[in-house]
Amino acid sequence: MDTLIFGGLLVGLWAMFRERPRRLVLGVWWVVLVVTLVLLAHHITSGLSLGLSY
């Protein structure tokens, strides 16, 4: 998930330096935010049995 966030921010930064429209930059940020939240929700609710017991 960190790679996804970093990649999205990098694409947004690239779009700003290439002087792309503001909508594109904001669109990239929103897409990265939504995808990150969906992945986070999936990982929180998934039943991973990591074998950790304290």
PDB file of N, CA and C in Angstrom:
ATOM      1  N   MET A   1       0.830  -1.178   0.000  1.00  0.00           N
ATOM      2  CA  MET A   1       0.000   0.000   0.000  1.00  0.00           C
ATOM      3  C   MET A   1       0.878   1.247   0.000  1.00  0.00           C
ATOM      4  N   ASP A   2       2.016   1.172   0.653  1.00  0.00           N
ATOM      5  CA  ASP A   2       2.928   2.317   0.645  1.00  0.00           C
ATOM      6  C   ASP A   2       3.403   2.639  -0.765  1.00  0.00           C
ATOM      7  N   THR A   3       3.641   1.606  -1.543  1.00  0.00           N
ATOM      8  CA  THR A   3       4.083   1.804  -2.924  1.00  0.00           C
ATOM      9  C   THR A   3       2.999   2.495  -3.743  1.00  0.00           C
ATOM     10  N   LEU A   4       1.751   2.114  -3.507  1.00  0.00           N
ATOM     11  CA  LEU A   4       0.638   2.740  -4.206  1.00  0.00           C
ATOM     12  C   LEU A   4       0.553   4.231  -3.862  1.00  0.00           C
ATOM     13  N   ILE A   5       0.666   4.558  -2.587  1.00  0.00           N
ATOM     14  CA  ILE A   5       0.607   5.959  -2.164  1.00  0.00           C
ATOM     15  C   ILE A   5       1.773   6.737  -2.753  1.00  0.00           C
ATOM     16  N   PHE A   6       2.969   6.189  -2.648  1.00  0.00           N
ATOM     17  CA  PHE A   6       4.151   6.872  -3.175  1.00  0.00           C
ATOM     18  C   PHE A   6       4.049   7.058  -4.686  1.00  0.00           C
ATOM     19  N   GLY A   7       3.599   6.019  -5.382  1.00  0.00           N
ATOM     20  CA  GLY A   7       3.446   6.119  -6.835  1.00  0.00           C
ATOM     21  C   GLY A   7       2.424   7.165  -7.228  1.00  0.00           C
ATOM     22  N   GLY A   8       1.312   7.222  -6.515  1.00  0.00           N
ATOM     23  CA  GLY A   8       0.297   8.223  -6.799  1.00  0.00           C
ATOM     24  C   GLY A   8       0.792   9.633  -6.558  1.00  0.00           C
ATOM     25  N   LEU A   9       1.517   9.826  -5.469  1.00  0.00           N
ATOM     26  CA  LEU A   9       2.074  11.150  -5.199  1.00  0.00           C
ATOM     27  C   LEU A   9       3.118  11.528  -6.243  1.00  0.00           C
ATOM     28  N   LEU A  10       3.872  10.552  -6.695  1.00  0.00           N
ATOM     29  CA  LEU A  10       4.869  10.810  -7.725  1.00  0.00           C
ATOM     30  C   LEU A  10       4.208  11.207  -9.046  1.00  0.00           C
ATOM     31  N   VAL A  11       3.122  10.536  -9.400  1.00  0.00           N
ATOM     32  CA  VAL A  11       2.393  10.899 -10.618  1.00  0.00           C
ATOM     33  C   VAL A  11       1.796  12.296 -10.474  1.00  0.00           C
ATOM     34  N   GLY A  12       1.252  12.614  -9.306  1.00  0.00           N
ATOM     35  CA  GLY A  12       0.724  13.951  -9.068  1.00  0.00           C
ATOM     36  C   GLY A  12       1.804  15.015  -9.162  1.00  0.00           C
ATOM     37  N   LEU A  13       2.965  14.731  -8.609  1.00  0.00           N
ATOM     38  CA  LEU A  13       4.090  15.666  -8.683  1.00  0.00           C
ATOM     39  C   LEU A  13       4.542  15.840 -10.130  1.00  0.00           C
ATOM     40  N   TRP A  14       4.606  14.738 -10.857  1.00  0.00           N
ATOM     41  CA  TRP A  14       4.978  14.795 -12.264  1.00  0.00           C
ATOM     42  C   TRP A  14       3.988  15.660 -13.039  1.00  0.00           C
ATOM     43  N   ALA A  15       2.681  15.490 -12.746  1.00  0.00           N
ATOM     44  CA  ALA A  15       1.655  16.265 -13.443  1.00  0.00           C
ATOM     45  C   ALA A  15       1.788  17.752 -13.118  1.00  0.00           C
ATOM     46  N   MET A  16       2.169  18.077 -11.881  1.00  0.00           N
ATOM     47  CA  MET A  16       2.339  19.491 -11.523  1.00  0.00           C
ATOM     48  C   MET A  16       3.535  20.094 -12.244  1.00  0.00           C
ATOM     49  N   PHE A  17       4.639  19.355 -12.317  1.00  0.00           N
ATOM     50  CA  PHE A  17       5.827  19.880 -12.981  1.00  0.00           C
ATOM     51  C   PHE A  17       5.638  20.000 -14.489  1.00  0.00           C
ATOM     52  N   ARG A  18       4.814  19.138 -15.062  1.00  0.00           N
ATOM     53  CA  ARG A  18       4.530  19.207 -16.499  1.00  0.00           C
ATOM     54  C   ARG A  18       3.443  20.227 -16.796  1.00  0.00           C
ATOM     55  N   GLU A  19       2.986  20.922 -15.746  1.00  0.00           N
ATOM     56  CA  GLU A  19       1.962  21.961 -15.849  1.00  0.00           C
ATOM     57  C   GLU A  19       0.689  21.435 -16.499  1.00  0.00           C
ATOM     58  N   ARG A  20       0.255  20.296 -16.027  1.00  0.00           N
ATOM     59  CA  ARG A  20      -1.020  19.723 -16.463  1.00  0.00           C
ATOM     60  C   ARG A  20      -2.154  20.453 -15.757  1.00  0.00           C
ATOM     61  N   PRO A  21      -3.381  20.274 -16.235  1.00  0.00           N
ATOM     62  CA  PRO A  21      -4.514  20.949 -15.585  1.00  0.00           C
ATOM     63  C   PRO A  21      -4.665  20.524 -14.118  1.00  0.00           C
ATOM     64  N   ARG A  22      -5.169  21.461 -13.323  1.00  0.00           N
ATOM     65  CA  ARG A  22      -5.349  21.206 -11.891  1.00  0.00           C
ATOM     66  C   ARG A  22      -6.294  20.035 -11.657  1.00  0.00           C
ATOM     67  N   ARG A  23      -7.276  19.861 -12.540  1.00  0.00           N
ATOM     68  CA  ARG A  23      -8.222  18.753 -12.396  1.00  0.00           C
ATOM     69  C   ARG A  23      -7.519  17.401 -12.464  1.00  0.00           C
ATOM     70  N   LEU A  24      -6.517  17.289 -13.318  1.00  0.00           N
ATOM     71  CA  LEU A  24      -5.780  16.033 -13.426  1.00  0.00           C
ATOM     72  C   LEU A  24      -5.040  15.736 -12.123  1.00  0.00           C
ATOM     73  N   VAL A  25      -4.381  16.739 -11.580  1.00  0.00           N
ATOM     74  CA  VAL A  25      -3.636  16.550 -10.329  1.00  0.00           C
ATOM     75  C   VAL A  25      -4.589  16.164  -9.203  1.00  0.00           C
ATOM     76  N   LEU A  26      -5.701  16.888  -9.082  1.00  0.00           N
ATOM     77  CA  LEU A  26      -6.677  16.560  -8.043  1.00  0.00           C
ATOM     78  C   LEU A  26      -7.304  15.190  -8.284  1.00  0.00           C
ATOM     79  N   GLY A  27      -7.522  14.854  -9.533  1.00  0.00           N
ATOM     80  CA  GLY A  27      -8.058  13.539  -9.862  1.00  0.00           C
ATOM     81  C   GLY A  27      -7.136  12.420  -9.438  1.00  0.00           C
ATOM     82  N   VAL A  28      -5.843  12.608  -9.666  1.00  0.00           N
ATOM     83  CA  VAL A  28      -4.858  11.600  -9.243  1.00  0.00           C
ATOM     84  C   VAL A  28      -4.893  11.448  -7.732  1.00  0.00           C
ATOM     85  N   TRP A  29      -4.939  12.557  -7.015  1.00  0.00           N
ATOM     86  CA  TRP A  29      -4.970  12.497  -5.545  1.00  0.00           C
ATOM     87  C   TRP A  29      -6.212  11.772  -5.047  1.00  0.00           C
ATOM     88  N   TRP A  30      -7.373  12.070  -5.645  1.00  0.00           N
ATOM     89  CA  TRP A  30      -8.610  11.427  -5.217  1.00  0.00           C
ATOM     90  C   TRP A  30      -8.608   9.933  -5.536  1.00  0.00           C
ATOM     91  N   VAL A  31      -8.108   9.571  -6.695  1.00  0.00           N
ATOM     92  CA  VAL A  31      -8.046   8.148  -7.060  1.00  0.00           C
ATOM     93  C   VAL A  31      -7.142   7.401  -6.098  1.00  0.00           C
ATOM     94  N   VAL A  32      -5.981   7.968  -5.791  1.00  0.00           N
ATOM     95  CA  VAL A  32      -5.058   7.320  -4.852  1.00  0.00           C
ATOM     96  C   VAL A  32      -5.701   7.206  -3.473  1.00  0.00           C
ATOM     97  N   LEU A  33      -6.397   8.236  -3.027  1.00  0.00           N
ATOM     98  CA  LEU A  33      -7.057   8.203  -1.728  1.00  0.00           C
ATOM     99  C   LEU A  33      -8.121   7.107  -1.678  1.00  0.00           C
ATOM    100  N   VAL A  34      -8.953   7.036  -2.697  1.00  0.00           N
ATOM    101  CA  VAL A  34     -10.033   6.044  -2.716  1.00  0.00           C
ATOM    102  C   VAL A  34      -9.470   4.626  -2.770  1.00  0.00           C
ATOM    103  N   VAL A  35      -8.495   4.401  -3.636  1.00  0.00           N
ATOM    104  CA  VAL A  35      -7.905   3.061  -3.746  1.00  0.00           C
ATOM    105  C   VAL A  35      -7.220   2.670  -2.436  1.00  0.00           C
ATOM    106  N   THR A  36      -6.542   3.600  -1.800  1.00  0.00           N
ATOM    107  CA  THR A  36      -5.889   3.315  -0.528  1.00  0.00           C
ATOM    108  C   THR A  36      -6.917   2.968   0.547  1.00  0.00           C
ATOM    109  N   LEU A  37      -8.009   3.707   0.608  1.00  0.00           N
ATOM    110  CA  LEU A  37      -9.047   3.420   1.604  1.00  0.00           C
ATOM    111  C   LEU A  37      -9.718   2.067   1.352  1.00  0.00           C
ATOM    112  N   VAL A  38      -9.937   1.730   0.084  1.00  0.00           N
ATOM    113  CA  VAL A  38     -10.522   0.428  -0.233  1.00  0.00           C
ATOM    114  C   VAL A  38      -9.577  -0.695   0.174  1.00  0.00           C
ATOM    115  N   LEU A  39      -8.297  -0.560  -0.125  1.00  0.00           N
ATOM    116  CA  LEU A  39      -7.335  -1.583   0.285  1.00  0.00           C
ATOM    117  C   LEU A  39      -7.221  -1.678   1.798  1.00  0.00           C
ATOM    118  N   LEU A  40      -7.246  -0.543   2.476  1.00  0.00           N
ATOM    119  CA  LEU A  40      -7.181  -0.543   3.930  1.00  0.00           C
ATOM    120  C   LEU A  40      -8.395  -1.250   4.517  1.00  0.00           C
ATOM    121  N   ALA A  41      -9.571  -0.953   4.012  1.00  0.00           N
ATOM    122  CA  ALA A  41     -10.785  -1.617   4.493  1.00  0.00           C
ATOM    123  C   ALA A  41     -10.729  -3.115   4.237  1.00  0.00           C
ATOM    124  N   HIS A  42     -10.191  -3.504   3.097  1.00  0.00           N
ATOM    125  CA  HIS A  42     -10.068  -4.933   2.787  1.00  0.00           C
ATOM    126  C   HIS A  42      -9.118  -5.626   3.755  1.00  0.00           C
ATOM    127  N   HIS A  43      -7.999  -5.003   4.042  1.00  0.00           N
ATOM    128  CA  HIS A  43      -7.012  -5.623   4.923  1.00  0.00           C
ATOM    129  C   HIS A  43      -7.481  -5.654   6.370  1.00  0.00           C
ATOM    130  N   ILE A  44      -8.234  -4.647   6.784  1.00  0.00           N
ATOM    131  CA  ILE A  44      -8.728  -4.630   8.161  1.00  0.00           C
ATOM    132  C   ILE A  44      -9.774  -5.713   8.367  1.00  0.00           C
ATOM    133  N   THR A  45     -10.633  -5.937   7.385  1.00  0.00           N
ATOM    134  CA  THR A  45     -11.715  -6.896   7.541  1.00  0.00           C
ATOM    135  C   THR A  45     -11.349  -8.310   7.111  1.00  0.00           C
ATOM    136  N   SER A  46     -10.191  -8.496   6.485  1.00  0.00           N
ATOM    137  CA  SER A  46      -9.836  -9.853   6.050  1.00  0.00           C
ATOM    138  C   SER A  46      -9.353 -10.665   7.242  1.00  0.00           C
ATOM    139  N   GLY A  47      -9.569 -11.946   7.186  1.00  0.00           N
ATOM    140  CA  GLY A  47      -9.214 -12.837   8.285  1.00  0.00           C
ATOM    141  C   GLY A  47      -7.811 -13.406   8.100  1.00  0.00           C
ATOM    142  N   LEU A  48      -6.811 -12.621   8.353  1.00  0.00           N
ATOM    143  CA  LEU A  48      -5.451 -13.118   8.260  1.00  0.00           C
ATOM    144  C   LEU A  48      -5.060 -13.794   9.544  1.00  0.00           C
ATOM    145  N   SER A  49      -4.701 -15.059   9.450  1.00  0.00           N
ATOM    146  CA  SER A  49      -4.224 -15.759  10.633  1.00  0.00           C
ATOM    147  C   SER A  49      -2.702 -15.773  10.565  1.00  0.00           C
ATOM    148  N   LEU A  50      -2.107 -14.828  11.244  1.00  0.00           N
ATOM    149  CA  LEU A  50      -0.657 -14.684  11.167  1.00  0.00           C
ATOM    150  C   LEU A  50       0.067 -15.552  12.201  1.00  0.00           C
ATOM    151  N   GLY A  51      -0.700 -16.215  13.036  1.00  0.00           N
ATOM    152  CA  GLY A  51      -0.090 -17.095  14.023  1.00  0.00           C
ATOM    153  C   GLY A  51       0.540 -16.354  15.184  1.00  0.00           C
ATOM    154  N   LEU A  52       0.128 -15.138  15.431  1.00  0.00           N
ATOM    155  CA  LEU A  52       0.668 -14.377  16.547  1.00  0.00           C
ATOM    156  C   LEU A  52      -0.273 -14.506  17.737  1.00  0.00           C
ATOM    157  N   SER A  53       0.234 -15.011  18.808  1.00  0.00           N
ATOM    158  CA  SER A  53      -0.589 -15.103  20.028  1.00  0.00           C
ATOM    159  C   SER A  53       0.269 -14.688  21.215  1.00  0.00           C
ATOM    160  N   TYR A  54      -0.252 -13.784  21.970  1.00  0.00           N
ATOM    161  CA  TYR A  54       0.472 -13.275  23.124  1.00  0.00           C
ATOM    162  C   TYR A  54      -0.224 -13.657  24.386  1.00  0.00           C
TER     163      TYR A  54
END
